[in-house]
C-alpha atoms as a PDB file:
ATOM      1  CA  MET A   1     -23.069 -18.427  22.885  1.00  0.00           C
ATOM      2  CA  SER A   2     -19.903 -19.636  20.354  1.00  0.00           C
ATOM      3  CA  ASN A   3     -20.285 -22.509  18.258  1.00  0.00           C
ATOM      4  CA  MET A   4     -17.528 -22.784  16.250  1.00  0.00           C
ATOM      5  CA  ILE A   5     -17.044 -24.467  12.991  1.00  0.00           C
ATOM      6  CA  PRO A   6     -14.936 -27.383  14.005  1.00  0.00           C
ATOM      7  CA  VAL A   7     -11.227 -27.896  12.779  1.00  0.00           C
ATOM      8  CA  GLU A   8      -9.036 -31.304  13.341  1.00  0.00           C
ATOM      9  CA  PRO A   9      -6.465 -31.349  16.324  1.00  0.00           C
ATOM     10  CA  GLY A  10      -2.382 -30.480  15.286  1.00  0.00           C
ATOM     11  CA  ALA A  11      -1.482 -27.868  13.344  1.00  0.00           C
ATOM     12  CA  LYS A  12      -1.672 -28.295   9.910  1.00  0.00           C
ATOM     13  CA  ILE A  13       0.104 -26.554   6.355  1.00  0.00           C
ATOM     14  CA  ALA A  14      -2.039 -25.108   4.121  1.00  0.00           C
ATOM     15  CA  ALA A  15      -1.660 -23.567   0.034  1.00  0.00           C
ATOM     16  CA  GLN A  16      -1.779 -19.990  -0.317  1.00  0.00           C
ATOM     17  CA  VAL A  17      -4.354 -20.299  -3.814  1.00  0.00           C
ATOM     18  CA  THR A  18      -6.398 -18.719  -6.449  1.00  0.00           C
ATOM     19  CA  PRO A  19     -10.366 -19.493  -5.611  1.00  0.00           C
ATOM     20  CA  GLU A  20     -10.614 -20.486  -9.648  1.00  0.00           C
ATOM     21  CA  PRO A  21      -7.856 -22.964 -10.339  1.00  0.00           C
ATOM     22  CA  SER A  22      -6.905 -24.426 -13.197  1.00  0.00           C
ATOM     23  CA  ASP A  23      -6.561 -28.210 -13.350  1.00  0.00           C
ATOM     24  CA  ASP A  24      -2.606 -27.840 -13.004  1.00  0.00           C
ATOM     25  CA  GLU A  25      -2.683 -25.545 -10.203  1.00  0.00           C
ATOM     26  CA  LEU A  26      -5.173 -28.445  -8.304  1.00  0.00           C
ATOM     27  CA  ALA A  27      -2.547 -31.073  -9.146  1.00  0.00           C
ATOM     28  CA  PHE A  28       0.379 -28.857  -8.184  1.00  0.00           C
ATOM     29  CA  VAL A  29      -1.603 -28.121  -4.676  1.00  0.00           C
ATOM     30  CA  ARG A  30      -1.485 -31.874  -4.256  1.00  0.00           C
ATOM     31  CA  ARG A  31       1.671 -32.669  -5.149  1.00  0.00           C
ATOM     32  CA  ILE A  32       3.359 -30.467  -2.141  1.00  0.00           C
ATOM     33  CA  GLY A  33       1.438 -32.465   0.030  1.00  0.00           C
ATOM     34  CA  VAL A  34      -0.705 -30.323   2.003  1.00  0.00           C
ATOM     35  CA  GLU A  35      -4.875 -30.810   2.571  1.00  0.00           C
ATOM     36  CA  TYR A  36      -5.961 -27.530   3.261  1.00  0.00           C
ATOM     37  CA  VAL A  37      -6.204 -24.025   1.198  1.00  0.00           C
ATOM     38  CA  VAL A  38      -6.175 -20.343   2.165  1.00  0.00           C
ATOM     39  CA  LEU A  39      -8.699 -18.468  -0.380  1.00  0.00           C
ATOM     40  CA  TRP A  40      -9.099 -14.668  -1.229  1.00  0.00           C
ATOM     41  CA  THR A  41     -11.767 -12.866  -3.000  1.00  0.00           C
ATOM     42  CA  SER A  42     -13.542  -9.361  -3.574  1.00  0.00           C
ATOM     43  CA  GLY A  43     -16.918  -7.714  -4.412  1.00  0.00           C
ATOM     44  CA  GLU A  44     -19.682  -9.467  -5.813  1.00  0.00           C
ATOM     45  CA  LYS A  45     -18.014 -13.183  -5.135  1.00  0.00           C
ATOM     46  CA  ALA A  46     -18.442 -12.597  -1.344  1.00  0.00           C
ATOM     47  CA  SER A  47     -21.264 -14.219  -1.297  1.00  0.00           C
ATOM     48  CA  TYR A  48     -22.589 -17.337   0.770  1.00  0.00           C
ATOM     49  CA  GLU A  49     -22.379 -19.116  -3.352  1.00  0.00           C
ATOM     50  CA  TYR A  50     -19.744 -18.652  -3.936  1.00  0.00           C
ATOM     51  CA  TYR A  51     -18.132 -19.484  -0.740  1.00  0.00           C
ATOM     52  CA  ALA A  52     -19.961 -22.606  -1.026  1.00  0.00           C
ATOM     53  CA  SER A  53     -19.067 -23.102  -4.528  1.00  0.00           C
ATOM     54  CA  ARG A  54     -15.098 -23.141  -3.833  1.00  0.00           C
ATOM     55  CA  ARG A  55     -15.549 -25.093  -0.997  1.00  0.00           C
ATOM     56  CA  ASP A  56     -17.072 -28.040  -2.846  1.00  0.00           C
ATOM     57  CA  LEU A  57     -14.672 -27.502  -5.609  1.00  0.00           C
ATOM     58  CA  PHE A  58     -11.956 -27.832  -3.402  1.00  0.00           C
ATOM     59  CA  GLU A  59     -12.985 -30.762  -2.001  1.00  0.00           C
ATOM     60  CA  SER A  60     -13.649 -32.542  -4.839  1.00  0.00           C
ATOM     61  CA  ALA A  61      -9.559 -32.676  -5.429  1.00  0.00           C
ATOM     62  CA  GLY A  62      -9.104 -33.563  -1.675  1.00  0.00           C
ATOM     63  CA  LEU A  63      -8.901 -30.258  -0.641  1.00  0.00           C
ATOM     64  CA  LYS A  64     -10.220 -28.473   2.365  1.00  0.00           C
ATOM     65  CA  VAL A  65     -10.694 -24.394   2.864  1.00  0.00           C
ATOM     66  CA  TYR A  66      -9.250 -23.692   6.256  1.00  0.00           C
ATOM     67  CA  GLY A  67      -9.789 -20.095   5.466  1.00  0.00           C
ATOM     68  CA  PHE A  68     -11.432 -17.586   3.225  1.00  0.00           C
ATOM     69  CA  GLY A  69     -10.503 -13.767   3.195  1.00  0.00           C
ATOM     70  CA  ASN A  70     -12.582 -10.972   1.774  1.00  0.00           C
ATOM     71  CA  THR A  71     -10.263  -7.865   0.749  1.00  0.00           C
ATOM     72  CA  ASP A  72     -13.304  -5.452   0.331  1.00  0.00           C
ATOM     73  CA  VAL A  73     -13.869  -5.451   4.318  1.00  0.00           C
ATOM     74  CA  HIS A  74      -9.510  -5.920   5.200  1.00  0.00           C
ATOM     75  CA  ASN A  75      -7.455  -3.002   5.786  1.00  0.00           C
ATOM     76  CA  GLN A  76     -10.611  -0.769   5.312  1.00  0.00           C
ATOM     77  CA  ASP A  77      -9.711   3.251   6.068  1.00  0.00           C
ATOM     78  CA  ALA A  78     -13.723   3.263   6.457  1.00  0.00           C
ATOM     79  CA  ILE A  79     -13.660   1.410   9.514  1.00  0.00           C
ATOM     80  CA  VAL A  80     -10.068   2.388  10.912  1.00  0.00           C
ATOM     81  CA  LEU A  81     -10.447   5.696  10.512  1.00  0.00           C
ATOM     82  CA  GLY A  82     -14.328   6.233  11.507  1.00  0.00           C
ATOM     83  CA  LEU A  83     -14.810   7.572   7.675  1.00  0.00           C
ATOM     84  CA  PRO A  84     -18.183   8.332   6.577  1.00  0.00           C
ATOM     85  CA  ASN A  85     -18.769   5.074   4.991  1.00  0.00           C
ATOM     86  CA  ARG A  86     -17.983   2.817   8.108  1.00  0.00           C
ATOM     87  CA  ASP A  87     -21.839   1.397   8.998  1.00  0.00           C
ATOM     88  CA  GLN A  88     -21.630   0.269   5.642  1.00  0.00           C
ATOM     89  CA  LYS A  89     -18.449  -1.975   5.662  1.00  0.00           C
ATOM     90  CA  ILE A  90     -19.171  -3.020   9.125  1.00  0.00           C
ATOM     91  CA  GLU A  91     -22.852  -4.678   7.721  1.00  0.00           C
ATOM     92  CA  GLU A  92     -20.210  -6.199   4.808  1.00  0.00           C
ATOM     93  CA  TYR A  93     -17.974  -7.650   7.081  1.00  0.00           C
ATOM     94  CA  LYS A  94     -20.786  -8.954   9.085  1.00  0.00           C
ATOM     95  CA  ALA A  95     -22.412 -10.695   6.055  1.00  0.00           C
ATOM     96  CA  HIS A  96     -19.155 -11.576   5.071  1.00  0.00           C
ATOM     97  CA  LEU A  97     -18.748 -13.621   8.475  1.00  0.00           C
ATOM     98  CA  ARG A  98     -22.583 -15.306   8.091  1.00  0.00           C
ATOM     99  CA  ASN A  99     -22.011 -16.231   4.569  1.00  0.00           C
ATOM    100  CA  LEU A 100     -18.423 -17.996   6.083  1.00  0.00           C
ATOM    101  CA  GLY A 101     -20.555 -19.741   8.608  1.00  0.00           C
ATOM    102  CA  ARG A 102     -23.147 -20.837   6.135  1.00  0.00           C
ATOM    103  CA  ALA A 103     -20.665 -22.631   3.511  1.00  0.00           C
ATOM    104  CA  GLY A 104     -18.851 -24.241   7.139  1.00  0.00           C
ATOM    105  CA  ILE A 105     -15.591 -22.192   6.248  1.00  0.00           C
ATOM    106  CA  PRO A 106     -13.773 -22.251   9.976  1.00  0.00           C
ATOM    107  CA  TYR A 107     -11.958 -18.928   9.682  1.00  0.00           C
ATOM    108  CA  THR A 108     -10.952 -15.318   8.106  1.00  0.00           C
ATOM    109  CA  THR A 109      -8.159 -13.268   8.297  1.00  0.00           C
ATOM    110  CA  TYR A 110      -9.104  -9.183   9.283  1.00  0.00           C
ATOM    111  CA  ALA A 111      -6.353  -6.372   9.325  1.00  0.00           C
ATOM    112  CA  HIS A 112      -6.490  -2.964  10.613  1.00  0.00           C
ATOM    113  CA  MET A 113      -4.464  -0.565   8.730  1.00  0.00           C
ATOM    114  CA  ALA A 114      -6.001   2.473   7.258  1.00  0.00           C
ATOM    115  CA  ASN A 115      -3.460   3.036   4.569  1.00  0.00           C
ATOM    116  CA  GLY A 116      -1.918  -0.580   3.516  1.00  0.00           C
ATOM    117  CA  ILE A 117       0.845  -2.492   3.571  1.00  0.00           C
ATOM    118  CA  TRP A 118       4.156  -0.056   3.077  1.00  0.00           C
ATOM    119  CA  SER A 119       7.334  -1.643   0.661  1.00  0.00           C
ATOM    120  CA  THR A 120      10.030  -0.136  -0.837  1.00  0.00           C
ATOM    121  CA  ALA A 121      11.779  -1.311  -4.063  1.00  0.00           C
ATOM    122  CA  ARG A 122      12.392  -5.117  -3.909  1.00  0.00           C
ATOM    123  CA  GLU A 123      16.083  -6.092  -3.252  1.00  0.00           C
ATOM    124  CA  PRO A 124      17.830  -9.126  -3.707  1.00  0.00           C
ATOM    125  CA  THR A 125      18.169 -11.542  -1.047  1.00  0.00           C
ATOM    126  CA  ARG A 126      19.811 -15.068  -0.918  1.00  0.00           C
ATOM    127  CA  GLY A 127      20.994 -16.297  -4.591  1.00  0.00           C
ATOM    128  CA  GLY A 128      20.402 -13.383  -5.783  1.00  0.00           C
ATOM    129  CA  ALA A 129      16.198 -14.156  -5.587  1.00  0.00           C
ATOM    130  CA  MET A 130      14.297 -10.823  -5.919  1.00  0.00           C
ATOM    131  CA  ALA A 131      11.946 -10.200  -2.557  1.00  0.00           C
ATOM    132  CA  ARG A 132       9.966  -7.450  -1.023  1.00  0.00           C
ATOM    133  CA  ALA A 133      11.765  -5.069   1.286  1.00  0.00           C
ATOM    134  CA  PHE A 134      11.145  -2.073   3.344  1.00  0.00           C
ATOM    135  CA  ASP A 135      13.071   0.806   4.407  1.00  0.00           C
ATOM    136  CA  LEU A 136      12.079   3.587   6.306  1.00  0.00           C
ATOM    137  CA  GLU A 137      14.184   6.225   5.267  1.00  0.00           C
ATOM    138  CA  LYS A 138      12.680   5.670   1.570  1.00  0.00           C
ATOM    139  CA  ALA A 139       9.051   4.835   3.021  1.00  0.00           C
ATOM    140  CA  GLU A 140       6.805   6.745   0.300  1.00  0.00           C
ATOM    141  CA  ALA A 141       3.368   4.562   0.130  1.00  0.00           C
ATOM    142  CA  GLY A 142       1.104   2.406   1.455  1.00  0.00           C
ATOM    143  CA  HIS A 143      -0.872  -0.031  -1.013  1.00  0.00           C
ATOM    144  CA  TRP A 144      -4.287  -2.258  -0.733  1.00  0.00           C
ATOM    145  CA  ALA A 145      -6.381  -3.777  -3.075  1.00  0.00           C
ATOM    146  CA  GLY A 146      -5.585  -1.227  -6.434  1.00  0.00           C
ATOM    147  CA  ARG A 147      -5.208   2.325  -3.719  1.00  0.00           C
ATOM    148  CA  THR A 148      -2.148   4.394  -2.873  1.00  0.00           C
ATOM    149  CA  TYR A 149      -1.758   5.733  -0.086  1.00  0.00           C
ATOM    150  CA  ARG A 150       1.068   8.685  -0.389  1.00  0.00           C
ATOM    151  CA  MET A 151       2.956  10.328   1.754  1.00  0.00           C
ATOM    152  CA  PRO A 152       2.757  13.384   3.875  1.00  0.00           C
ATOM    153  CA  LEU A 153      -0.691  12.568   5.415  1.00  0.00           C
ATOM    154  CA  THR A 154      -2.439   9.979   3.622  1.00  0.00           C
ATOM    155  CA  HIS A 155      -5.640  10.922   5.119  1.00  0.00           C
ATOM    156  CA  GLY A 156      -5.642  14.903   5.507  1.00  0.00           C
ATOM    157  CA  ARG A 157      -4.663  15.158   8.366  1.00  0.00           C
ATOM    158  CA  VAL A 158      -3.299  13.328  11.998  1.00  0.00           C
ATOM    159  CA  TYR A 159      -5.374  10.873  13.783  1.00  0.00           C
ATOM    160  CA  SER A 160      -5.124  10.362  17.678  1.00  0.00           C
ATOM    161  CA  GLU A 161      -3.989   6.721  19.024  1.00  0.00           C
ATOM    162  CA  GLN A 162      -7.156   7.372  20.769  1.00  0.00           C
ATOM    163  CA  GLU A 163      -9.540   7.292  17.564  1.00  0.00           C
ATOM    164  CA  ILE A 164      -7.638   4.310  17.016  1.00  0.00           C
ATOM    165  CA  TRP A 165      -8.105   2.392  19.512  1.00  0.00           C
ATOM    166  CA  ASP A 166     -12.190   3.944  19.742  1.00  0.00           C
ATOM    167  CA  ASN A 167     -12.874   2.626  16.277  1.00  0.00           C
ATOM    168  CA  TYR A 168     -11.213  -0.549  16.575  1.00  0.00           C
ATOM    169  CA  THR A 169     -13.656  -1.173  19.690  1.00  0.00           C
ATOM    170  CA  TYR A 170     -16.849  -0.063  17.691  1.00  0.00           C
ATOM    171  CA  PHE A 171     -16.129  -2.415  15.177  1.00  0.00           C
ATOM    172  CA  ILE A 172     -15.201  -5.027  16.816  1.00  0.00           C
ATOM    173  CA  LYS A 173     -17.904  -5.219  19.289  1.00  0.00           C
ATOM    174  CA  GLN A 174     -20.077  -5.624  16.758  1.00  0.00           C
ATOM    175  CA  VAL A 175     -18.873  -8.279  14.604  1.00  0.00           C
ATOM    176  CA  ALA A 176     -17.724 -10.637  17.403  1.00  0.00           C
ATOM    177  CA  PRO A 177     -21.264 -11.648  18.118  1.00  0.00           C
ATOM    178  CA  VAL A 178     -21.965 -12.148  15.017  1.00  0.00           C
ATOM    179  CA  ALA A 179     -18.475 -14.248  14.857  1.00  0.00           C
ATOM    180  CA  GLU A 180     -19.798 -16.554  17.486  1.00  0.00           C
ATOM    181  CA  GLU A 181     -23.117 -16.700  16.054  1.00  0.00           C
ATOM    182  CA  ALA A 182     -21.772 -17.746  12.585  1.00  0.00           C
ATOM    183  CA  GLY A 183     -19.083 -20.434  14.129  1.00  0.00           C
ATOM    184  CA  VAL A 184     -16.300 -18.393  12.146  1.00  0.00           C
ATOM    185  CA  ARG A 185     -12.704 -17.584  13.550  1.00  0.00           C
ATOM    186  CA  ILE A 186     -11.186 -14.122  13.438  1.00  0.00           C
ATOM    187  CA  GLY A 187      -7.500 -13.647  12.958  1.00  0.00           C
ATOM    188  CA  ILE A 188      -6.101 -10.353  13.719  1.00  0.00           C
ATOM    189  CA  HIS A 189      -3.063  -9.672  11.428  1.00  0.00           C
ATOM    190  CA  PRO A 190      -0.317  -7.759  12.522  1.00  0.00           C
ATOM    191  CA  ASP A 191       0.175  -4.261  11.513  1.00  0.00           C
ATOM    192  CA  ASP A 192       3.206  -4.488   8.010  1.00  0.00           C
ATOM    193  CA  PRO A 193       5.474  -2.971   8.938  1.00  0.00           C
ATOM    194  CA  PRO A 194       4.630  -2.300  12.274  1.00  0.00           C
ATOM    195  CA  VAL A 195       6.083   1.031  12.922  1.00  0.00           C
ATOM    196  CA  PRO A 196       3.908   3.837  15.638  1.00  0.00           C
ATOM    197  CA  GLU A 197       3.027   6.015  12.763  1.00  0.00           C
ATOM    198  CA  LEU A 198       2.728   5.906   8.694  1.00  0.00           C
ATOM    199  CA  GLY A 199       1.455   8.942   7.056  1.00  0.00           C
ATOM    200  CA  GLY A 200      -0.192  10.637  10.049  1.00  0.00           C
ATOM    201  CA  VAL A 201      -1.970   7.048  10.835  1.00  0.00           C
ATOM    202  CA  PRO A 202      -0.685   6.028  13.960  1.00  0.00           C
ATOM    203  CA  ARG A 203      -0.363   1.787  13.898  1.00  0.00           C
ATOM    204  CA  PRO A 204      -0.893   1.660  18.165  1.00  0.00           C
ATOM    205  CA  ILE A 205      -3.159  -1.762  18.523  1.00  0.00           C
ATOM    206  CA  PHE A 206      -1.598  -4.158  15.769  1.00  0.00           C
ATOM    207  CA  SER A 207       2.197  -3.526  16.132  1.00  0.00           C
ATOM    208  CA  SER A 208       2.616  -4.736  19.548  1.00  0.00           C
ATOM    209  CA  PHE A 209       2.262  -7.657  22.150  1.00  0.00           C
ATOM    210  CA  GLU A 210       0.695  -4.812  24.607  1.00  0.00           C
ATOM    211  CA  GLY A 211      -1.896  -3.913  21.850  1.00  0.00           C
ATOM    212  CA  TYR A 212      -2.951  -7.392  20.814  1.00  0.00           C
ATOM    213  CA  LYS A 213      -3.451  -8.285  24.621  1.00  0.00           C
ATOM    214  CA  ARG A 214      -5.825  -5.008  24.824  1.00  0.00           C
ATOM    215  CA  ALA A 215      -7.584  -5.260  21.761  1.00  0.00           C
ATOM    216  CA  LEU A 216      -7.914  -9.629  22.335  1.00  0.00           C
ATOM    217  CA  GLU A 217      -9.820  -8.425  25.632  1.00  0.00           C
ATOM    218  CA  ILE A 218     -11.618  -5.378  24.182  1.00  0.00           C
ATOM    219  CA  ALA A 219     -13.265  -8.153  21.504  1.00  0.00           C
ATOM    220  CA  ASP A 220     -14.011 -10.761  24.826  1.00  0.00           C
ATOM    221  CA  SER A 221     -14.745 -13.346  22.296  1.00  0.00           C
ATOM    222  CA  PRO A 222     -13.274 -17.015  22.201  1.00  0.00           C
ATOM    223  CA  ASN A 223     -13.937 -16.467  18.564  1.00  0.00           C
ATOM    224  CA  VAL A 224     -11.180 -13.473  18.140  1.00  0.00           C
ATOM    225  CA  GLY A 225      -8.230 -14.049  18.192  1.00  0.00           C
ATOM    226  CA  VAL A 226      -4.439 -13.966  15.963  1.00  0.00           C
ATOM    227  CA  CYS A 227      -2.954 -14.435  12.601  1.00  0.00           C
ATOM    228  CA  LEU A 228       0.449 -14.414  13.621  1.00  0.00           C
ATOM    229  CA  CYS A 229       2.394 -13.305  10.520  1.00  0.00           C
ATOM    230  CA  VAL A 230       5.671 -14.373  12.133  1.00  0.00           C
ATOM    231  CA  GLY A 231       7.353 -11.798   9.140  1.00  0.00           C
ATOM    232  CA  CYS A 232       5.544  -9.253  11.079  1.00  0.00           C
ATOM    233  CA  TRP A 233       6.764  -9.890  14.211  1.00  0.00           C
ATOM    234  CA  LEU A 234      10.278 -10.111  13.181  1.00  0.00           C
ATOM    235  CA  GLU A 235      10.121  -6.969  11.433  1.00  0.00           C
ATOM    236  CA  GLY A 236       8.831  -5.377  14.683  1.00  0.00           C
ATOM    237  CA  GLY A 237      11.626  -6.828  16.680  1.00  0.00           C
ATOM    238  CA  GLU A 238      12.169  -5.439  19.613  1.00  0.00           C
ATOM    239  CA  LEU A 239       9.224  -2.674  19.279  1.00  0.00           C
ATOM    240  CA  MET A 240       6.738  -5.723  19.399  1.00  0.00           C
ATOM    241  CA  GLY A 241       7.543  -6.219  23.165  1.00  0.00           C
ATOM    242  CA  LYS A 242       7.351  -9.286  23.536  1.00  0.00           C
ATOM    243  CA  ASP A 243       9.234 -12.108  20.959  1.00  0.00           C
ATOM    244  CA  VAL A 244       8.072 -14.393  18.626  1.00  0.00           C
ATOM    245  CA  LEU A 245       8.061 -17.261  20.655  1.00  0.00           C
ATOM    246  CA  GLU A 246       6.807 -15.723  24.151  1.00  0.00           C
ATOM    247  CA  THR A 247       3.856 -14.629  21.819  1.00  0.00           C
ATOM    248  CA  ILE A 248       3.493 -17.811  20.598  1.00  0.00           C
ATOM    249  CA  ARG A 249       2.857 -19.225  24.416  1.00  0.00           C
ATOM    250  CA  TYR A 250       1.067 -16.278  25.318  1.00  0.00           C
ATOM    251  CA  PHE A 251      -1.646 -16.326  23.141  1.00  0.00           C
ATOM    252  CA  GLY A 252      -1.507 -20.472  22.249  1.00  0.00           C
ATOM    253  CA  GLY A 253      -1.965 -20.773  25.888  1.00  0.00           C
ATOM    254  CA  GLN A 254      -5.303 -19.325  25.384  1.00  0.00           C
ATOM    255  CA  ASP A 255      -6.558 -20.879  22.203  1.00  0.00           C
ATOM    256  CA  LYS A 256      -6.135 -17.505  20.281  1.00  0.00           C
ATOM    257  CA  LEU A 257      -3.820 -18.778  17.544  1.00  0.00           C
ATOM    258  CA  PHE A 258      -6.110 -18.941  14.513  1.00  0.00           C
ATOM    259  CA  LYS A 259      -3.251 -18.559  11.603  1.00  0.00           C
ATOM    260  CA  VAL A 260       0.173 -18.790  11.538  1.00  0.00           C
ATOM    261  CA  HIS A 261       2.326 -16.844   8.232  1.00  0.00           C
ATOM    262  CA  LEU A 262       5.877 -18.382   8.173  1.00  0.00           C
ATOM    263  CA  ARG A 263       7.858 -15.788   6.740  1.00  0.00           C
ATOM    264  CA  ASN A 264      11.823 -14.691   7.598  1.00  0.00           C
ATOM    265  CA  VAL A 265      13.627 -11.574   7.411  1.00  0.00           C
ATOM    266  CA  THR A 266      17.059 -10.391   7.169  1.00  0.00           C
ATOM    267  CA  GLN A 267      17.009  -7.882  10.032  1.00  0.00           C
ATOM    268  CA  PRO A 268      14.596  -5.842  11.990  1.00  0.00           C
ATOM    269  CA  LEU A 269      13.024  -2.386  11.609  1.00  0.00           C
ATOM    270  CA  PRO A 270      13.817   0.391   9.852  1.00  0.00           C
ATOM    271  CA  HIS A 271      15.429  -1.626   6.869  1.00  0.00           C
ATOM    272  CA  PHE A 272      14.504  -5.680   6.825  1.00  0.00           C
ATOM    273  CA  VAL A 273      14.424  -7.676   3.276  1.00  0.00           C
ATOM    274  CA  GLU A 274      11.661 -10.624   3.390  1.00  0.00           C
ATOM    275  CA  THR A 275      14.127 -14.049   2.486  1.00  0.00           C
ATOM    276  CA  PHE A 276      13.791 -17.618   2.717  1.00  0.00           C
ATOM    277  CA  LEU A 277      12.881 -19.572   6.029  1.00  0.00           C
ATOM    278  CA  ASN A 278      16.378 -20.711   6.748  1.00  0.00           C
ATOM    279  CA  ALA A 279      18.096 -17.676   5.284  1.00  0.00           C
ATOM    280  CA  GLY A 280      16.672 -14.658   7.878  1.00  0.00           C
ATOM    281  CA  TYR A 281      17.530 -14.110  11.506  1.00  0.00           C
ATOM    282  CA  MET A 282      14.701 -16.400  13.323  1.00  0.00           C
ATOM    283  CA  ASP A 283      15.389 -19.805  13.516  1.00  0.00           C
ATOM    284  CA  MET A 284      11.808 -21.209  11.861  1.00  0.00           C
ATOM    285  CA  TYR A 285      12.034 -24.371  13.903  1.00  0.00           C
ATOM    286  CA  GLN A 286      11.931 -23.002  17.073  1.00  0.00           C
ATOM    287  CA  VAL A 287       8.822 -21.232  15.833  1.00  0.00           C
ATOM    288  CA  VAL A 288       7.605 -24.566  14.692  1.00  0.00           C
ATOM    289  CA  THR A 289       7.954 -26.528  17.716  1.00  0.00           C
ATOM    290  CA  ALA A 290       6.842 -23.443  20.238  1.00  0.00           C
ATOM    291  CA  LEU A 291       3.775 -23.974  18.006  1.00  0.00           C
ATOM    292  CA  GLN A 292       3.838 -27.961  18.509  1.00  0.00           C
ATOM    293  CA  GLU A 293       4.119 -27.171  22.708  1.00  0.00           C
ATOM    294  CA  VAL A 294       1.237 -25.135  22.790  1.00  0.00           C
ATOM    295  CA  ASP A 295      -1.121 -27.610  20.705  1.00  0.00           C
ATOM    296  CA  PHE A 296      -1.269 -25.210  17.756  1.00  0.00           C
ATOM    297  CA  ARG A 297      -4.677 -26.394  15.653  1.00  0.00           C
ATOM    298  CA  GLY A 298      -4.750 -23.897  12.898  1.00  0.00           C
ATOM    299  CA  VAL A 299      -2.880 -23.620   9.540  1.00  0.00           C
ATOM    300  CA  MET A 300       0.317 -21.968   8.693  1.00  0.00           C
ATOM    301  CA  ILE A 301       0.977 -20.831   5.487  1.00  0.00           C
ATOM    302  CA  PRO A 302       4.237 -19.360   3.819  1.00  0.00           C
ATOM    303  CA  ASP A 303       4.246 -16.236   3.038  1.00  0.00           C
ATOM    304  CA  HIS A 304       5.725 -13.443   0.380  1.00  0.00           C
ATOM    305  CA  ILE A 305       7.915 -15.951  -0.761  1.00  0.00           C
ATOM    306  CA  PRO A 306      11.152 -14.209  -2.561  1.00  0.00           C
ATOM    307  CA  LEU A 307      10.888 -14.872  -6.436  1.00  0.00           C
ATOM    308  CA  MET A 308      12.699 -18.769  -7.650  1.00  0.00           C
ATOM    309  CA  ASP A 309      13.671 -18.828 -10.987  1.00  0.00           C
ATOM    310  CA  GLU A 310      10.803 -16.345 -12.119  1.00  0.00           C
ATOM    311  CA  ASP A 311       8.408 -18.938 -11.550  1.00  0.00           C
ATOM    312  CA  ARG A 312       6.450 -19.091  -8.179  1.00  0.00           C
ATOM    313  CA  HIS A 313       5.229 -22.738  -7.956  1.00  0.00           C
ATOM    314  CA  VAL A 314       9.332 -23.165  -7.199  1.00  0.00           C
ATOM    315  CA  GLY A 315       9.163 -21.172  -3.997  1.00  0.00           C
ATOM    316  CA  THR A 316       6.011 -21.970  -2.763  1.00  0.00           C
ATOM    317  CA  ALA A 317       7.037 -25.830  -3.095  1.00  0.00           C
ATOM    318  CA  TYR A 318      10.444 -25.131  -1.646  1.00  0.00           C
ATOM    319  CA  SER A 319       8.589 -23.583   1.675  1.00  0.00           C
ATOM    320  CA  ILE A 320       6.256 -25.962   2.327  1.00  0.00           C
ATOM    321  CA  GLY A 321       8.518 -28.596   2.248  1.00  0.00           C
ATOM    322  CA  TYR A 322      10.784 -26.801   4.775  1.00  0.00           C
ATOM    323  CA  MET A 323       7.735 -26.444   6.570  1.00  0.00           C
ATOM    324  CA  GLN A 324       6.403 -30.292   6.411  1.00  0.00           C
ATOM    325  CA  ALA A 325      10.193 -31.054   7.735  1.00  0.00           C
ATOM    326  CA  LEU A 326       9.808 -28.651  10.587  1.00  0.00           C
ATOM    327  CA  LEU A 327       6.713 -29.747  11.785  1.00  0.00           C
ATOM    328  CA  GLU A 328       7.461 -33.473  11.045  1.00  0.00           C
ATOM    329  CA  ARG A 329      10.600 -32.781  13.529  1.00  0.00           C
ATOM    330  CA  ALA A 330       8.863 -31.072  16.086  1.00  0.00           C
ATOM    331  CA  ARG A 331       6.429 -33.572  16.396  1.00  0.00           C
ATOM    332  CA  ALA A 332       8.789 -36.350  17.104  1.00  0.00           C
ATOM    333  CA  ALA A 333      10.915 -33.828  19.372  1.00  0.00           C
ATOM    334  CA  GLN A 334       7.794 -34.079  21.470  1.00  0.00           C
ATOM    335  CA  HIS A 335       7.118 -37.863  21.765  1.00  0.00           C
ATOM    336  CA  CYS A 336      10.946 -38.579  22.337  1.00  0.00           C
END
């Protein structure tokens, strides 16, 4: 039986920050007006003691930790491809969930990519700000946590879609009961980019609406839901099967939206450039309005922000401010 760690009602805006912030970083986060943070760590630090210490640190600064990710159990080829160390990684993931639950942290993000996130050379967006880009014709390698996965076959052979589904099922059937026992929500992030195959590994599950629908039905757990990266959904375009607004209404109507990455892109695949929230092909006010309509109760974060003035704080402040305005207007419109 699920006993989810409670979260406050209403949509919330969070900043993604280092778990070991300086006093200046904490002051910056408070100044931009957010109350929530999401954190990532790895290795030996992924323990109950560390999670609890970070919770206490941020709470002492007036900030709440909504989510904590562990890169050592995220985007793991062992899990996705059923490699020899799969069971070891699954046990690590279970420990991660239990530690979060003990620390009172309600959420973690999981991604199911076997050969990392793929990008090509950074490209300029509005005003010449440099941003992440992807051009399928130029794609050579994926990257994750210090590892590089190169074309043509990142793991020595071509895998079938059925293998990916079977390995996902093996994983989620083991971890979902642990998430329920711990009271922790797992939000599954879309494949980035959401193309049918890269390096001999298909991406049949988290690259489309129907894939997500089937995956959550297999999990059959209130604690397994969606980390909706709007940017990835926009990257996929028609490949996703349903647009991002339909997706919000469907999964939000099931209380399966746990976190949202607000990111805009110039156009769908095969070639896109990430850009500022009001400079891409999607109207982000429509996205935030849809979230408000389904009573979204998770956090929204800015994601992959283009670099402004060689200082990441500038883009973060700009993006958070824009998101706050969107949310305020969506709330006001709902109560008119």
